[in-house]
Amino acid sequence: SFCINQINSGVSESKAYSDMAKRV
């Protein structure tokens, strides 16, 4: 949900998924 909210706020999908992997 946090990752999708980032995408909806203008972050690129590739970067949002990459950030999620770093957090996990």
PDBML (XML) file of the C-alpha atoms, coordinates in Angstrom:
<?xml version="1.0" encoding="UTF-8" ?>
<PDBx:datablock datablockName="MODEL"
   xmlns:PDBx="http://pdbml.pdb.org/schema/pdbx-v50.xsd"
   xmlns:xsi="http://www.w3.org/2001/XMLSchema-instance"
   xsi:schemaLocation="http://pdbml.pdb.org/schema/pdbx-v50.xsd pdbx-v50.xsd">
   <PDBx:atom_siteCategory>
      <PDBx:atom_site id="1">
         <PDBx:B_iso_or_equiv>0.00</PDBx:B_iso_or_equiv>
         <PDBx:Cartn_x>0.000</PDBx:Cartn_x>
         <PDBx:Cartn_y>0.000</PDBx:Cartn_y>
         <PDBx:Cartn_z>0.000</PDBx:Cartn_z>
         <PDBx:auth_asym_id>A</PDBx:auth_asym_id>
         <PDBx:auth_atom_id>CA</PDBx:auth_atom_id>
         <PDBx:auth_comp_id>SER</PDBx:auth_comp_id>
         <PDBx:auth_seq_id>1</PDBx:auth_seq_id>
         <PDBx:group_PDB>ATOM</PDBx:group_PDB>
         <PDBx:label_alt_id xsi:nil="true" />
         <PDBx:label_asym_id>A</PDBx:label_asym_id>
         <PDBx:label_atom_id>CA</PDBx:label_atom_id>
         <PDBx:label_comp_id>SER</PDBx:label_comp_id>
         <PDBx:label_entity_id>1</PDBx:label_entity_id>
         <PDBx:label_seq_id>1</PDBx:label_seq_id>
         <PDBx:occupancy>1.00</PDBx:occupancy>
         <PDBx:pdbx_PDB_model_num>1</PDBx:pdbx_PDB_model_num>
         <PDBx:type_symbol>C</PDBx:type_symbol>
      </PDBx:atom_site>
      <PDBx:atom_site id="2">
         <PDBx:B_iso_or_equiv>0.00</PDBx:B_iso_or_equiv>
         <PDBx:Cartn_x>2.828</PDBx:Cartn_x>
         <PDBx:Cartn_y>2.396</PDBx:Cartn_y>
         <PDBx:Cartn_z>0.828</PDBx:Cartn_z>
         <PDBx:auth_asym_id>A</PDBx:auth_asym_id>
         <PDBx:auth_atom_id>CA</PDBx:auth_atom_id>
         <PDBx:auth_comp_id>PHE</PDBx:auth_comp_id>
         <PDBx:auth_seq_id>2</PDBx:auth_seq_id>
         <PDBx:group_PDB>ATOM</PDBx:group_PDB>
         <PDBx:label_alt_id xsi:nil="true" />
         <PDBx:label_asym_id>A</PDBx:label_asym_id>
         <PDBx:label_atom_id>CA</PDBx:label_atom_id>
         <PDBx:label_comp_id>PHE</PDBx:label_comp_id>
         <PDBx:label_entity_id>1</PDBx:label_entity_id>
         <PDBx:label_seq_id>2</PDBx:label_seq_id>
         <PDBx:occupancy>1.00</PDBx:occupancy>
         <PDBx:pdbx_PDB_model_num>1</PDBx:pdbx_PDB_model_num>
         <PDBx:type_symbol>C</PDBx:type_symbol>
      </PDBx:atom_site>
      <PDBx:atom_site id="3">
         <PDBx:B_iso_or_equiv>0.00</PDBx:B_iso_or_equiv>
         <PDBx:Cartn_x>4.524</PDBx:Cartn_x>
         <PDBx:Cartn_y>1.506</PDBx:Cartn_y>
         <PDBx:Cartn_z>-2.478</PDBx:Cartn_z>
         <PDBx:auth_asym_id>A</PDBx:auth_asym_id>
         <PDBx:auth_atom_id>CA</PDBx:auth_atom_id>
         <PDBx:auth_comp_id>CYS</PDBx:auth_comp_id>
         <PDBx:auth_seq_id>3</PDBx:auth_seq_id>
         <PDBx:group_PDB>ATOM</PDBx:group_PDB>
         <PDBx:label_alt_id xsi:nil="true" />
         <PDBx:label_asym_id>A</PDBx:label_asym_id>
         <PDBx:label_atom_id>CA</PDBx:label_atom_id>
         <PDBx:label_comp_id>CYS</PDBx:label_comp_id>
         <PDBx:label_entity_id>1</PDBx:label_entity_id>
         <PDBx:label_seq_id>3</PDBx:label_seq_id>
         <PDBx:occupancy>1.00</PDBx:occupancy>
         <PDBx:pdbx_PDB_model_num>1</PDBx:pdbx_PDB_model_num>
         <PDBx:type_symbol>C</PDBx:type_symbol>
      </PDBx:atom_site>
      <PDBx:atom_site id="4">
         <PDBx:B_iso_or_equiv>0.00</PDBx:B_iso_or_equiv>
         <PDBx:Cartn_x>1.325</PDBx:Cartn_x>
         <PDBx:Cartn_y>2.145</PDBx:Cartn_y>
         <PDBx:Cartn_z>-4.476</PDBx:Cartn_z>
         <PDBx:auth_asym_id>A</PDBx:auth_asym_id>
         <PDBx:auth_atom_id>CA</PDBx:auth_atom_id>
         <PDBx:auth_comp_id>ILE</PDBx:auth_comp_id>
         <PDBx:auth_seq_id>4</PDBx:auth_seq_id>
         <PDBx:group_PDB>ATOM</PDBx:group_PDB>
         <PDBx:label_alt_id xsi:nil="true" />
         <PDBx:label_asym_id>A</PDBx:label_asym_id>
         <PDBx:label_atom_id>CA</PDBx:label_atom_id>
         <PDBx:label_comp_id>ILE</PDBx:label_comp_id>
         <PDBx:label_entity_id>1</PDBx:label_entity_id>
         <PDBx:label_seq_id>4</PDBx:label_seq_id>
         <PDBx:occupancy>1.00</PDBx:occupancy>
         <PDBx:pdbx_PDB_model_num>1</PDBx:pdbx_PDB_model_num>
         <PDBx:type_symbol>C</PDBx:type_symbol>
      </PDBx:atom_site>
      <PDBx:atom_site id="5">
         <PDBx:B_iso_or_equiv>0.00</PDBx:B_iso_or_equiv>
         <PDBx:Cartn_x>0.790</PDBx:Cartn_x>
         <PDBx:Cartn_y>5.461</PDBx:Cartn_y>
         <PDBx:Cartn_z>-2.664</PDBx:Cartn_z>
         <PDBx:auth_asym_id>A</PDBx:auth_asym_id>
         <PDBx:auth_atom_id>CA</PDBx:auth_atom_id>
         <PDBx:auth_comp_id>ASN</PDBx:auth_comp_id>
         <PDBx:auth_seq_id>5</PDBx:auth_seq_id>
         <PDBx:group_PDB>ATOM</PDBx:group_PDB>
         <PDBx:label_alt_id xsi:nil="true" />
         <PDBx:label_asym_id>A</PDBx:label_asym_id>
         <PDBx:label_atom_id>CA</PDBx:label_atom_id>
         <PDBx:label_comp_id>ASN</PDBx:label_comp_id>
         <PDBx:label_entity_id>1</PDBx:label_entity_id>
         <PDBx:label_seq_id>5</PDBx:label_seq_id>
         <PDBx:occupancy>1.00</PDBx:occupancy>
         <PDBx:pdbx_PDB_model_num>1</PDBx:pdbx_PDB_model_num>
         <PDBx:type_symbol>C</PDBx:type_symbol>
      </PDBx:atom_site>
      <PDBx:atom_site id="6">
         <PDBx:B_iso_or_equiv>0.00</PDBx:B_iso_or_equiv>
         <PDBx:Cartn_x>4.297</PDBx:Cartn_x>
         <PDBx:Cartn_y>6.474</PDBx:Cartn_y>
         <PDBx:Cartn_z>-3.763</PDBx:Cartn_z>
         <PDBx:auth_asym_id>A</PDBx:auth_asym_id>
         <PDBx:auth_atom_id>CA</PDBx:auth_atom_id>
         <PDBx:auth_comp_id>GLN</PDBx:auth_comp_id>
         <PDBx:auth_seq_id>6</PDBx:auth_seq_id>
         <PDBx:group_PDB>ATOM</PDBx:group_PDB>
         <PDBx:label_alt_id xsi:nil="true" />
         <PDBx:label_asym_id>A</PDBx:label_asym_id>
         <PDBx:label_atom_id>CA</PDBx:label_atom_id>
         <PDBx:label_comp_id>GLN</PDBx:label_comp_id>
         <PDBx:label_entity_id>1</PDBx:label_entity_id>
         <PDBx:label_seq_id>6</PDBx:label_seq_id>
         <PDBx:occupancy>1.00</PDBx:occupancy>
         <PDBx:pdbx_PDB_model_num>1</PDBx:pdbx_PDB_model_num>
         <PDBx:type_symbol>C</PDBx:type_symbol>
      </PDBx:atom_site>
      <PDBx:atom_site id="7">
         <PDBx:B_iso_or_equiv>0.00</PDBx:B_iso_or_equiv>
         <PDBx:Cartn_x>3.411</PDBx:Cartn_x>
         <PDBx:Cartn_y>5.626</PDBx:Cartn_y>
         <PDBx:Cartn_z>-7.377</PDBx:Cartn_z>
         <PDBx:auth_asym_id>A</PDBx:auth_asym_id>
         <PDBx:auth_atom_id>CA</PDBx:auth_atom_id>
         <PDBx:auth_comp_id>ILE</PDBx:auth_comp_id>
         <PDBx:auth_seq_id>7</PDBx:auth_seq_id>
         <PDBx:group_PDB>ATOM</PDBx:group_PDB>
         <PDBx:label_alt_id xsi:nil="true" />
         <PDBx:label_asym_id>A</PDBx:label_asym_id>
         <PDBx:label_atom_id>CA</PDBx:label_atom_id>
         <PDBx:label_comp_id>ILE</PDBx:label_comp_id>
         <PDBx:label_entity_id>1</PDBx:label_entity_id>
         <PDBx:label_seq_id>7</PDBx:label_seq_id>
         <PDBx:occupancy>1.00</PDBx:occupancy>
         <PDBx:pdbx_PDB_model_num>1</PDBx:pdbx_PDB_model_num>
         <PDBx:type_symbol>C</PDBx:type_symbol>
      </PDBx:atom_site>
      <PDBx:atom_site id="8">
         <PDBx:B_iso_or_equiv>0.00</PDBx:B_iso_or_equiv>
         <PDBx:Cartn_x>0.178</PDBx:Cartn_x>
         <PDBx:Cartn_y>7.601</PDBx:Cartn_y>
         <PDBx:Cartn_z>-7.133</PDBx:Cartn_z>
         <PDBx:auth_asym_id>A</PDBx:auth_asym_id>
         <PDBx:auth_atom_id>CA</PDBx:auth_atom_id>
         <PDBx:auth_comp_id>ASN</PDBx:auth_comp_id>
         <PDBx:auth_seq_id>8</PDBx:auth_seq_id>
         <PDBx:group_PDB>ATOM</PDBx:group_PDB>
         <PDBx:label_alt_id xsi:nil="true" />
         <PDBx:label_asym_id>A</PDBx:label_asym_id>
         <PDBx:label_atom_id>CA</PDBx:label_atom_id>
         <PDBx:label_comp_id>ASN</PDBx:label_comp_id>
         <PDBx:label_entity_id>1</PDBx:label_entity_id>
         <PDBx:label_seq_id>8</PDBx:label_seq_id>
         <PDBx:occupancy>1.00</PDBx:occupancy>
         <PDBx:pdbx_PDB_model_num>1</PDBx:pdbx_PDB_model_num>
         <PDBx:type_symbol>C</PDBx:type_symbol>
      </PDBx:atom_site>
      <PDBx:atom_site id="9">
         <PDBx:B_iso_or_equiv>0.00</PDBx:B_iso_or_equiv>
         <PDBx:Cartn_x>2.099</PDBx:Cartn_x>
         <PDBx:Cartn_y>10.581</PDBx:Cartn_y>
         <PDBx:Cartn_z>-5.751</PDBx:Cartn_z>
         <PDBx:auth_asym_id>A</PDBx:auth_asym_id>
         <PDBx:auth_atom_id>CA</PDBx:auth_atom_id>
         <PDBx:auth_comp_id>SER</PDBx:auth_comp_id>
         <PDBx:auth_seq_id>9</PDBx:auth_seq_id>
         <PDBx:group_PDB>ATOM</PDBx:group_PDB>
         <PDBx:label_alt_id xsi:nil="true" />
         <PDBx:label_asym_id>A</PDBx:label_asym_id>
         <PDBx:label_atom_id>CA</PDBx:label_atom_id>
         <PDBx:label_comp_id>SER</PDBx:label_comp_id>
         <PDBx:label_entity_id>1</PDBx:label_entity_id>
         <PDBx:label_seq_id>9</PDBx:label_seq_id>
         <PDBx:occupancy>1.00</PDBx:occupancy>
         <PDBx:pdbx_PDB_model_num>1</PDBx:pdbx_PDB_model_num>
         <PDBx:type_symbol>C</PDBx:type_symbol>
      </PDBx:atom_site>
      <PDBx:atom_site id="10">
         <PDBx:B_iso_or_equiv>0.00</PDBx:B_iso_or_equiv>
         <PDBx:Cartn_x>4.398</PDBx:Cartn_x>
         <PDBx:Cartn_y>10.692</PDBx:Cartn_y>
         <PDBx:Cartn_z>-8.795</PDBx:Cartn_z>
         <PDBx:auth_asym_id>A</PDBx:auth_asym_id>
         <PDBx:auth_atom_id>CA</PDBx:auth_atom_id>
         <PDBx:auth_comp_id>GLY</PDBx:auth_comp_id>
         <PDBx:auth_seq_id>10</PDBx:auth_seq_id>
         <PDBx:group_PDB>ATOM</PDBx:group_PDB>
         <PDBx:label_alt_id xsi:nil="true" />
         <PDBx:label_asym_id>A</PDBx:label_asym_id>
         <PDBx:label_atom_id>CA</PDBx:label_atom_id>
         <PDBx:label_comp_id>GLY</PDBx:label_comp_id>
         <PDBx:label_entity_id>1</PDBx:label_entity_id>
         <PDBx:label_seq_id>10</PDBx:label_seq_id>
         <PDBx:occupancy>1.00</PDBx:occupancy>
         <PDBx:pdbx_PDB_model_num>1</PDBx:pdbx_PDB_model_num>
         <PDBx:type_symbol>C</PDBx:type_symbol>
      </PDBx:atom_site>
      <PDBx:atom_site id="11">
         <PDBx:B_iso_or_equiv>0.00</PDBx:B_iso_or_equiv>
         <PDBx:Cartn_x>7.261</PDBx:Cartn_x>
         <PDBx:Cartn_y>8.280</PDBx:Cartn_y>
         <PDBx:Cartn_z>-8.018</PDBx:Cartn_z>
         <PDBx:auth_asym_id>A</PDBx:auth_asym_id>
         <PDBx:auth_atom_id>CA</PDBx:auth_atom_id>
         <PDBx:auth_comp_id>VAL</PDBx:auth_comp_id>
         <PDBx:auth_seq_id>11</PDBx:auth_seq_id>
         <PDBx:group_PDB>ATOM</PDBx:group_PDB>
         <PDBx:label_alt_id xsi:nil="true" />
         <PDBx:label_asym_id>A</PDBx:label_asym_id>
         <PDBx:label_atom_id>CA</PDBx:label_atom_id>
         <PDBx:label_comp_id>VAL</PDBx:label_comp_id>
         <PDBx:label_entity_id>1</PDBx:label_entity_id>
         <PDBx:label_seq_id>11</PDBx:label_seq_id>
         <PDBx:occupancy>1.00</PDBx:occupancy>
         <PDBx:pdbx_PDB_model_num>1</PDBx:pdbx_PDB_model_num>
         <PDBx:type_symbol>C</PDBx:type_symbol>
      </PDBx:atom_site>
      <PDBx:atom_site id="12">
         <PDBx:B_iso_or_equiv>0.00</PDBx:B_iso_or_equiv>
         <PDBx:Cartn_x>8.153</PDBx:Cartn_x>
         <PDBx:Cartn_y>5.990</PDBx:Cartn_y>
         <PDBx:Cartn_z>-10.916</PDBx:Cartn_z>
         <PDBx:auth_asym_id>A</PDBx:auth_asym_id>
         <PDBx:auth_atom_id>CA</PDBx:auth_atom_id>
         <PDBx:auth_comp_id>SER</PDBx:auth_comp_id>
         <PDBx:auth_seq_id>12</PDBx:auth_seq_id>
         <PDBx:group_PDB>ATOM</PDBx:group_PDB>
         <PDBx:label_alt_id xsi:nil="true" />
         <PDBx:label_asym_id>A</PDBx:label_asym_id>
         <PDBx:label_atom_id>CA</PDBx:label_atom_id>
         <PDBx:label_comp_id>SER</PDBx:label_comp_id>
         <PDBx:label_entity_id>1</PDBx:label_entity_id>
         <PDBx:label_seq_id>12</PDBx:label_seq_id>
         <PDBx:occupancy>1.00</PDBx:occupancy>
         <PDBx:pdbx_PDB_model_num>1</PDBx:pdbx_PDB_model_num>
         <PDBx:type_symbol>C</PDBx:type_symbol>
      </PDBx:atom_site>
      <PDBx:atom_site id="13">
         <PDBx:B_iso_or_equiv>0.00</PDBx:B_iso_or_equiv>
         <PDBx:Cartn_x>7.002</PDBx:Cartn_x>
         <PDBx:Cartn_y>2.367</PDBx:Cartn_y>
         <PDBx:Cartn_z>-10.594</PDBx:Cartn_z>
         <PDBx:auth_asym_id>A</PDBx:auth_asym_id>
         <PDBx:auth_atom_id>CA</PDBx:auth_atom_id>
         <PDBx:auth_comp_id>GLU</PDBx:auth_comp_id>
         <PDBx:auth_seq_id>13</PDBx:auth_seq_id>
         <PDBx:group_PDB>ATOM</PDBx:group_PDB>
         <PDBx:label_alt_id xsi:nil="true" />
         <PDBx:label_asym_id>A</PDBx:label_asym_id>
         <PDBx:label_atom_id>CA</PDBx:label_atom_id>
         <PDBx:label_comp_id>GLU</PDBx:label_comp_id>
         <PDBx:label_entity_id>1</PDBx:label_entity_id>
         <PDBx:label_seq_id>13</PDBx:label_seq_id>
         <PDBx:occupancy>1.00</PDBx:occupancy>
         <PDBx:pdbx_PDB_model_num>1</PDBx:pdbx_PDB_model_num>
         <PDBx:type_symbol>C</PDBx:type_symbol>
      </PDBx:atom_site>
      <PDBx:atom_site id="14">
         <PDBx:B_iso_or_equiv>0.00</PDBx:B_iso_or_equiv>
         <PDBx:Cartn_x>10.530</PDBx:Cartn_x>
         <PDBx:Cartn_y>1.013</PDBx:Cartn_y>
         <PDBx:Cartn_z>-10.975</PDBx:Cartn_z>
         <PDBx:auth_asym_id>A</PDBx:auth_asym_id>
         <PDBx:auth_atom_id>CA</PDBx:auth_atom_id>
         <PDBx:auth_comp_id>SER</PDBx:auth_comp_id>
         <PDBx:auth_seq_id>14</PDBx:auth_seq_id>
         <PDBx:group_PDB>ATOM</PDBx:group_PDB>
         <PDBx:label_alt_id xsi:nil="true" />
         <PDBx:label_asym_id>A</PDBx:label_asym_id>
         <PDBx:label_atom_id>CA</PDBx:label_atom_id>
         <PDBx:label_comp_id>SER</PDBx:label_comp_id>
         <PDBx:label_entity_id>1</PDBx:label_entity_id>
         <PDBx:label_seq_id>14</PDBx:label_seq_id>
         <PDBx:occupancy>1.00</PDBx:occupancy>
         <PDBx:pdbx_PDB_model_num>1</PDBx:pdbx_PDB_model_num>
         <PDBx:type_symbol>C</PDBx:type_symbol>
      </PDBx:atom_site>
      <PDBx:atom_site id="15">
         <PDBx:B_iso_or_equiv>0.00</PDBx:B_iso_or_equiv>
         <PDBx:Cartn_x>11.861</PDBx:Cartn_x>
         <PDBx:Cartn_y>3.227</PDBx:Cartn_y>
         <PDBx:Cartn_z>-8.172</PDBx:Cartn_z>
         <PDBx:auth_asym_id>A</PDBx:auth_asym_id>
         <PDBx:auth_atom_id>CA</PDBx:auth_atom_id>
         <PDBx:auth_comp_id>LYS</PDBx:auth_comp_id>
         <PDBx:auth_seq_id>15</PDBx:auth_seq_id>
         <PDBx:group_PDB>ATOM</PDBx:group_PDB>
         <PDBx:label_alt_id xsi:nil="true" />
         <PDBx:label_asym_id>A</PDBx:label_asym_id>
         <PDBx:label_atom_id>CA</PDBx:label_atom_id>
         <PDBx:label_comp_id>LYS</PDBx:label_comp_id>
         <PDBx:label_entity_id>1</PDBx:label_entity_id>
         <PDBx:label_seq_id>15</PDBx:label_seq_id>
         <PDBx:occupancy>1.00</PDBx:occupancy>
         <PDBx:pdbx_PDB_model_num>1</PDBx:pdbx_PDB_model_num>
         <PDBx:type_symbol>C</PDBx:type_symbol>
      </PDBx:atom_site>
      <PDBx:atom_site id="16">
         <PDBx:B_iso_or_equiv>0.00</PDBx:B_iso_or_equiv>
         <PDBx:Cartn_x>8.871</PDBx:Cartn_x>
         <PDBx:Cartn_y>2.532</PDBx:Cartn_y>
         <PDBx:Cartn_z>-5.891</PDBx:Cartn_z>
         <PDBx:auth_asym_id>A</PDBx:auth_asym_id>
         <PDBx:auth_atom_id>CA</PDBx:auth_atom_id>
         <PDBx:auth_comp_id>ALA</PDBx:auth_comp_id>
         <PDBx:auth_seq_id>16</PDBx:auth_seq_id>
         <PDBx:group_PDB>ATOM</PDBx:group_PDB>
         <PDBx:label_alt_id xsi:nil="true" />
         <PDBx:label_asym_id>A</PDBx:label_asym_id>
         <PDBx:label_atom_id>CA</PDBx:label_atom_id>
         <PDBx:label_comp_id>ALA</PDBx:label_comp_id>
         <PDBx:label_entity_id>1</PDBx:label_entity_id>
         <PDBx:label_seq_id>16</PDBx:label_seq_id>
         <PDBx:occupancy>1.00</PDBx:occupancy>
         <PDBx:pdbx_PDB_model_num>1</PDBx:pdbx_PDB_model_num>
         <PDBx:type_symbol>C</PDBx:type_symbol>
      </PDBx:atom_site>
      <PDBx:atom_site id="17">
         <PDBx:B_iso_or_equiv>0.00</PDBx:B_iso_or_equiv>
         <PDBx:Cartn_x>9.332</PDBx:Cartn_x>
         <PDBx:Cartn_y>-1.249</PDBx:Cartn_y>
         <PDBx:Cartn_z>-6.185</PDBx:Cartn_z>
         <PDBx:auth_asym_id>A</PDBx:auth_asym_id>
         <PDBx:auth_atom_id>CA</PDBx:auth_atom_id>
         <PDBx:auth_comp_id>TYR</PDBx:auth_comp_id>
         <PDBx:auth_seq_id>17</PDBx:auth_seq_id>
         <PDBx:group_PDB>ATOM</PDBx:group_PDB>
         <PDBx:label_alt_id xsi:nil="true" />
         <PDBx:label_asym_id>A</PDBx:label_asym_id>
         <PDBx:label_atom_id>CA</PDBx:label_atom_id>
         <PDBx:label_comp_id>TYR</PDBx:label_comp_id>
         <PDBx:label_entity_id>1</PDBx:label_entity_id>
         <PDBx:label_seq_id>17</PDBx:label_seq_id>
         <PDBx:occupancy>1.00</PDBx:occupancy>
         <PDBx:pdbx_PDB_model_num>1</PDBx:pdbx_PDB_model_num>
         <PDBx:type_symbol>C</PDBx:type_symbol>
      </PDBx:atom_site>
      <PDBx:atom_site id="18">
         <PDBx:B_iso_or_equiv>0.00</PDBx:B_iso_or_equiv>
         <PDBx:Cartn_x>13.070</PDBx:Cartn_x>
         <PDBx:Cartn_y>-0.884</PDBx:Cartn_y>
         <PDBx:Cartn_z>-5.674</PDBx:Cartn_z>
         <PDBx:auth_asym_id>A</PDBx:auth_asym_id>
         <PDBx:auth_atom_id>CA</PDBx:auth_atom_id>
         <PDBx:auth_comp_id>SER</PDBx:auth_comp_id>
         <PDBx:auth_seq_id>18</PDBx:auth_seq_id>
         <PDBx:group_PDB>ATOM</PDBx:group_PDB>
         <PDBx:label_alt_id xsi:nil="true" />
         <PDBx:label_asym_id>A</PDBx:label_asym_id>
         <PDBx:label_atom_id>CA</PDBx:label_atom_id>
         <PDBx:label_comp_id>SER</PDBx:label_comp_id>
         <PDBx:label_entity_id>1</PDBx:label_entity_id>
         <PDBx:label_seq_id>18</PDBx:label_seq_id>
         <PDBx:occupancy>1.00</PDBx:occupancy>
         <PDBx:pdbx_PDB_model_num>1</PDBx:pdbx_PDB_model_num>
         <PDBx:type_symbol>C</PDBx:type_symbol>
      </PDBx:atom_site>
      <PDBx:atom_site id="19">
         <PDBx:B_iso_or_equiv>0.00</PDBx:B_iso_or_equiv>
         <PDBx:Cartn_x>12.505</PDBx:Cartn_x>
         <PDBx:Cartn_y>1.225</PDBx:Cartn_y>
         <PDBx:Cartn_z>-2.527</PDBx:Cartn_z>
         <PDBx:auth_asym_id>A</PDBx:auth_asym_id>
         <PDBx:auth_atom_id>CA</PDBx:auth_atom_id>
         <PDBx:auth_comp_id>ASP</PDBx:auth_comp_id>
         <PDBx:auth_seq_id>19</PDBx:auth_seq_id>
         <PDBx:group_PDB>ATOM</PDBx:group_PDB>
         <PDBx:label_alt_id xsi:nil="true" />
         <PDBx:label_asym_id>A</PDBx:label_asym_id>
         <PDBx:label_atom_id>CA</PDBx:label_atom_id>
         <PDBx:label_comp_id>ASP</PDBx:label_comp_id>
         <PDBx:label_entity_id>1</PDBx:label_entity_id>
         <PDBx:label_seq_id>19</PDBx:label_seq_id>
         <PDBx:occupancy>1.00</PDBx:occupancy>
         <PDBx:pdbx_PDB_model_num>1</PDBx:pdbx_PDB_model_num>
         <PDBx:type_symbol>C</PDBx:type_symbol>
      </PDBx:atom_site>
      <PDBx:atom_site id="20">
         <PDBx:B_iso_or_equiv>0.00</PDBx:B_iso_or_equiv>
         <PDBx:Cartn_x>10.113</PDBx:Cartn_x>
         <PDBx:Cartn_y>-1.420</PDBx:Cartn_y>
         <PDBx:Cartn_z>-1.174</PDBx:Cartn_z>
         <PDBx:auth_asym_id>A</PDBx:auth_asym_id>
         <PDBx:auth_atom_id>CA</PDBx:auth_atom_id>
         <PDBx:auth_comp_id>MET</PDBx:auth_comp_id>
         <PDBx:auth_seq_id>20</PDBx:auth_seq_id>
         <PDBx:group_PDB>ATOM</PDBx:group_PDB>
         <PDBx:label_alt_id xsi:nil="true" />
         <PDBx:label_asym_id>A</PDBx:label_asym_id>
         <PDBx:label_atom_id>CA</PDBx:label_atom_id>
         <PDBx:label_comp_id>MET</PDBx:label_comp_id>
         <PDBx:label_entity_id>1</PDBx:label_entity_id>
         <PDBx:label_seq_id>20</PDBx:label_seq_id>
         <PDBx:occupancy>1.00</PDBx:occupancy>
         <PDBx:pdbx_PDB_model_num>1</PDBx:pdbx_PDB_model_num>
         <PDBx:type_symbol>C</PDBx:type_symbol>
      </PDBx:atom_site>
      <PDBx:atom_site id="21">
         <PDBx:B_iso_or_equiv>0.00</PDBx:B_iso_or_equiv>
         <PDBx:Cartn_x>12.783</PDBx:Cartn_x>
         <PDBx:Cartn_y>-4.107</PDBx:Cartn_y>
         <PDBx:Cartn_z>-1.648</PDBx:Cartn_z>
         <PDBx:auth_asym_id>A</PDBx:auth_asym_id>
         <PDBx:auth_atom_id>CA</PDBx:auth_atom_id>
         <PDBx:auth_comp_id>ALA</PDBx:auth_comp_id>
         <PDBx:auth_seq_id>21</PDBx:auth_seq_id>
         <PDBx:group_PDB>ATOM</PDBx:group_PDB>
         <PDBx:label_alt_id xsi:nil="true" />
         <PDBx:label_asym_id>A</PDBx:label_asym_id>
         <PDBx:label_atom_id>CA</PDBx:label_atom_id>
         <PDBx:label_comp_id>ALA</PDBx:label_comp_id>
         <PDBx:label_entity_id>1</PDBx:label_entity_id>
         <PDBx:label_seq_id>21</PDBx:label_seq_id>
         <PDBx:occupancy>1.00</PDBx:occupancy>
         <PDBx:pdbx_PDB_model_num>1</PDBx:pdbx_PDB_model_num>
         <PDBx:type_symbol>C</PDBx:type_symbol>
      </PDBx:atom_site>
      <PDBx:atom_site id="22">
         <PDBx:B_iso_or_equiv>0.00</PDBx:B_iso_or_equiv>
         <PDBx:Cartn_x>15.317</PDBx:Cartn_x>
         <PDBx:Cartn_y>-1.944</PDBx:Cartn_y>
         <PDBx:Cartn_z>0.229</PDBx:Cartn_z>
         <PDBx:auth_asym_id>A</PDBx:auth_asym_id>
         <PDBx:auth_atom_id>CA</PDBx:auth_atom_id>
         <PDBx:auth_comp_id>LYS</PDBx:auth_comp_id>
         <PDBx:auth_seq_id>22</PDBx:auth_seq_id>
         <PDBx:group_PDB>ATOM</PDBx:group_PDB>
         <PDBx:label_alt_id xsi:nil="true" />
         <PDBx:label_asym_id>A</PDBx:label_asym_id>
         <PDBx:label_atom_id>CA</PDBx:label_atom_id>
         <PDBx:label_comp_id>LYS</PDBx:label_comp_id>
         <PDBx:label_entity_id>1</PDBx:label_entity_id>
         <PDBx:label_seq_id>22</PDBx:label_seq_id>
         <PDBx:occupancy>1.00</PDBx:occupancy>
         <PDBx:pdbx_PDB_model_num>1</PDBx:pdbx_PDB_model_num>
         <PDBx:type_symbol>C</PDBx:type_symbol>
      </PDBx:atom_site>
      <PDBx:atom_site id="23">
         <PDBx:B_iso_or_equiv>0.00</PDBx:B_iso_or_equiv>
         <PDBx:Cartn_x>12.897</PDBx:Cartn_x>
         <PDBx:Cartn_y>-1.430</PDBx:Cartn_y>
         <PDBx:Cartn_z>3.133</PDBx:Cartn_z>
         <PDBx:auth_asym_id>A</PDBx:auth_asym_id>
         <PDBx:auth_atom_id>CA</PDBx:auth_atom_id>
         <PDBx:auth_comp_id>ARG</PDBx:auth_comp_id>
         <PDBx:auth_seq_id>23</PDBx:auth_seq_id>
         <PDBx:group_PDB>ATOM</PDBx:group_PDB>
         <PDBx:label_alt_id xsi:nil="true" />
         <PDBx:label_asym_id>A</PDBx:label_asym_id>
         <PDBx:label_atom_id>CA</PDBx:label_atom_id>
         <PDBx:label_comp_id>ARG</PDBx:label_comp_id>
         <PDBx:label_entity_id>1</PDBx:label_entity_id>
         <PDBx:label_seq_id>23</PDBx:label_seq_id>
         <PDBx:occupancy>1.00</PDBx:occupancy>
         <PDBx:pdbx_PDB_model_num>1</PDBx:pdbx_PDB_model_num>
         <PDBx:type_symbol>C</PDBx:type_symbol>
      </PDBx:atom_site>
      <PDBx:atom_site id="24">
         <PDBx:B_iso_or_equiv>0.00</PDBx:B_iso_or_equiv>
         <PDBx:Cartn_x>12.105</PDBx:Cartn_x>
         <PDBx:Cartn_y>-5.125</PDBx:Cartn_y>
         <PDBx:Cartn_z>3.392</PDBx:Cartn_z>
         <PDBx:auth_asym_id>A</PDBx:auth_asym_id>
         <PDBx:auth_atom_id>CA</PDBx:auth_atom_id>
         <PDBx:auth_comp_id>VAL</PDBx:auth_comp_id>
         <PDBx:auth_seq_id>24</PDBx:auth_seq_id>
         <PDBx:group_PDB>ATOM</PDBx:group_PDB>
         <PDBx:label_alt_id xsi:nil="true" />
         <PDBx:label_asym_id>A</PDBx:label_asym_id>
         <PDBx:label_atom_id>CA</PDBx:label_atom_id>
         <PDBx:label_comp_id>VAL</PDBx:label_comp_id>
         <PDBx:label_entity_id>1</PDBx:label_entity_id>
         <PDBx:label_seq_id>24</PDBx:label_seq_id>
         <PDBx:occupancy>1.00</PDBx:occupancy>
         <PDBx:pdbx_PDB_model_num>1</PDBx:pdbx_PDB_model_num>
         <PDBx:type_symbol>C</PDBx:type_symbol>
      </PDBx:atom_site>
   </PDBx:atom_siteCategory>
</PDBx:datablock>
